[in-house]
Amino acid sequence: MTKDILPPLVETRPGPFRHYKGELYEVVGTTRHGETLAPMTLYRAQHGERGPCVRPAAMFAEGVLGAGVRQQRFKPLAAEALQK
């Protein structure tokens, strides 16, 4: 790979998501890791200090085993979910 060709960017749609443990988050967008160029999802907690977070995009979208049930790590919600 040359410096001029970037790997495909796996994009996470902006908007509200619920983590499988129950908390709300808002996806701001998708960016790249500064050194590896890996796709990263940029999101903000909608609880506590509401700090920004990043997570590899593939991990953000993957399924997890929670309470004995296979489910999405982050489930997309309607935009109105953050207005409550």
Protein backbone atom coordinates (compact mmCIF):
# COMPACT_ATOMS: atom_id res chain seq x y z
CA MET A 1 0.00 0.00 0.00
CA THR A 2 1.32 3.43 -0.87
CA LYS A 3 0.68 6.59 1.11
CA ASP A 4 -1.80 7.75 -1.56
CA ILE A 5 -4.08 4.69 -1.33
CA LEU A 6 -6.12 4.23 1.82
CA PRO A 7 -7.87 1.00 2.81
CA PRO A 8 -11.68 1.04 2.61
CA LEU A 9 -13.34 2.96 5.42
CA VAL A 10 -16.00 0.92 7.24
CA GLU A 11 -18.41 3.68 8.20
CA THR A 12 -20.76 3.66 11.18
CA ARG A 13 -23.84 5.81 10.59
CA PRO A 14 -24.04 8.85 12.87
CA GLY A 15 -26.83 8.92 15.44
CA PRO A 16 -27.97 7.29 18.66
CA PHE A 17 -27.10 3.75 19.73
CA ARG A 18 -27.80 1.70 22.85
CA HIS A 19 -24.97 -0.41 24.24
CA TYR A 20 -25.98 -3.97 25.08
CA LYS A 21 -25.49 -3.13 28.78
CA GLY A 22 -28.13 -0.38 28.48
CA GLU A 23 -26.38 3.00 28.25
CA LEU A 24 -26.99 5.47 25.38
CA TYR A 25 -24.27 6.73 23.04
CA GLU A 26 -24.23 9.04 20.04
CA VAL A 27 -22.02 8.18 17.07
CA VAL A 28 -20.32 11.31 15.77
CA GLY A 29 -18.68 9.68 12.75
CA THR A 30 -15.97 7.39 11.47
CA THR A 31 -12.28 8.25 11.33
CA ARG A 32 -8.97 6.44 10.93
CA HIS A 33 -6.31 5.49 13.44
CA GLY A 34 -3.41 7.90 12.94
CA GLU A 35 -0.74 5.21 12.50
CA THR A 36 -2.48 2.01 11.36
CA LEU A 37 -5.23 3.75 9.30
CA ALA A 38 -7.72 1.26 10.77
CA PRO A 39 -11.34 2.53 10.71
CA MET A 40 -12.42 3.85 14.11
CA THR A 41 -15.92 4.81 15.29
CA LEU A 42 -16.00 8.12 17.18
CA TYR A 43 -18.86 8.30 19.67
CA ARG A 44 -19.94 10.18 22.79
CA ALA A 45 -21.52 8.83 25.96
CA GLN A 46 -24.94 10.28 26.76
CA HIS A 47 -24.44 9.73 30.49
CA GLY A 48 -21.92 10.76 33.13
CA GLU A 49 -19.44 13.31 31.83
CA ARG A 50 -20.50 12.57 28.22
CA GLY A 51 -16.91 12.12 27.14
CA PRO A 52 -15.83 11.16 23.62
CA CYS A 53 -14.66 7.61 22.88
CA VAL A 54 -13.20 5.73 19.93
CA ARG A 55 -13.46 2.03 19.17
CA PRO A 56 -12.39 0.02 16.12
CA ALA A 57 -15.34 0.17 13.69
CA ALA A 58 -15.41 -3.61 13.33
CA MET A 59 -15.64 -4.03 17.12
CA PHE A 60 -18.38 -1.38 17.36
CA ALA A 61 -20.49 -3.35 14.85
CA GLU A 62 -19.79 -6.87 16.14
CA GLY A 63 -22.07 -9.09 18.15
CA VAL A 64 -21.46 -10.01 21.78
CA LEU A 65 -22.75 -12.58 24.21
CA GLY A 66 -24.63 -10.76 26.99
CA ALA A 67 -26.87 -12.42 29.56
CA GLY A 68 -26.53 -15.66 27.61
CA VAL A 69 -27.94 -14.09 24.43
CA ARG A 70 -26.06 -13.18 21.24
CA GLN A 71 -26.79 -9.52 20.41
CA GLN A 72 -25.32 -6.41 18.82
CA ARG A 73 -22.74 -4.59 20.95
CA PHE A 74 -24.38 -1.27 19.91
CA LYS A 75 -27.96 -1.25 18.60
CA PRO A 76 -28.99 1.68 16.36
CA LEU A 77 -31.93 3.74 17.61
CA ALA A 78 -34.25 6.36 16.12
CA ALA A 79 -32.83 9.90 16.25
CA GLU A 80 -35.51 10.90 18.77
CA ALA A 81 -33.88 8.66 21.40
CA LEU A 82 -31.32 11.34 22.27
CA GLN A 83 -33.90 14.13 22.60
CA LYS A 84 -35.46 12.67 25.76
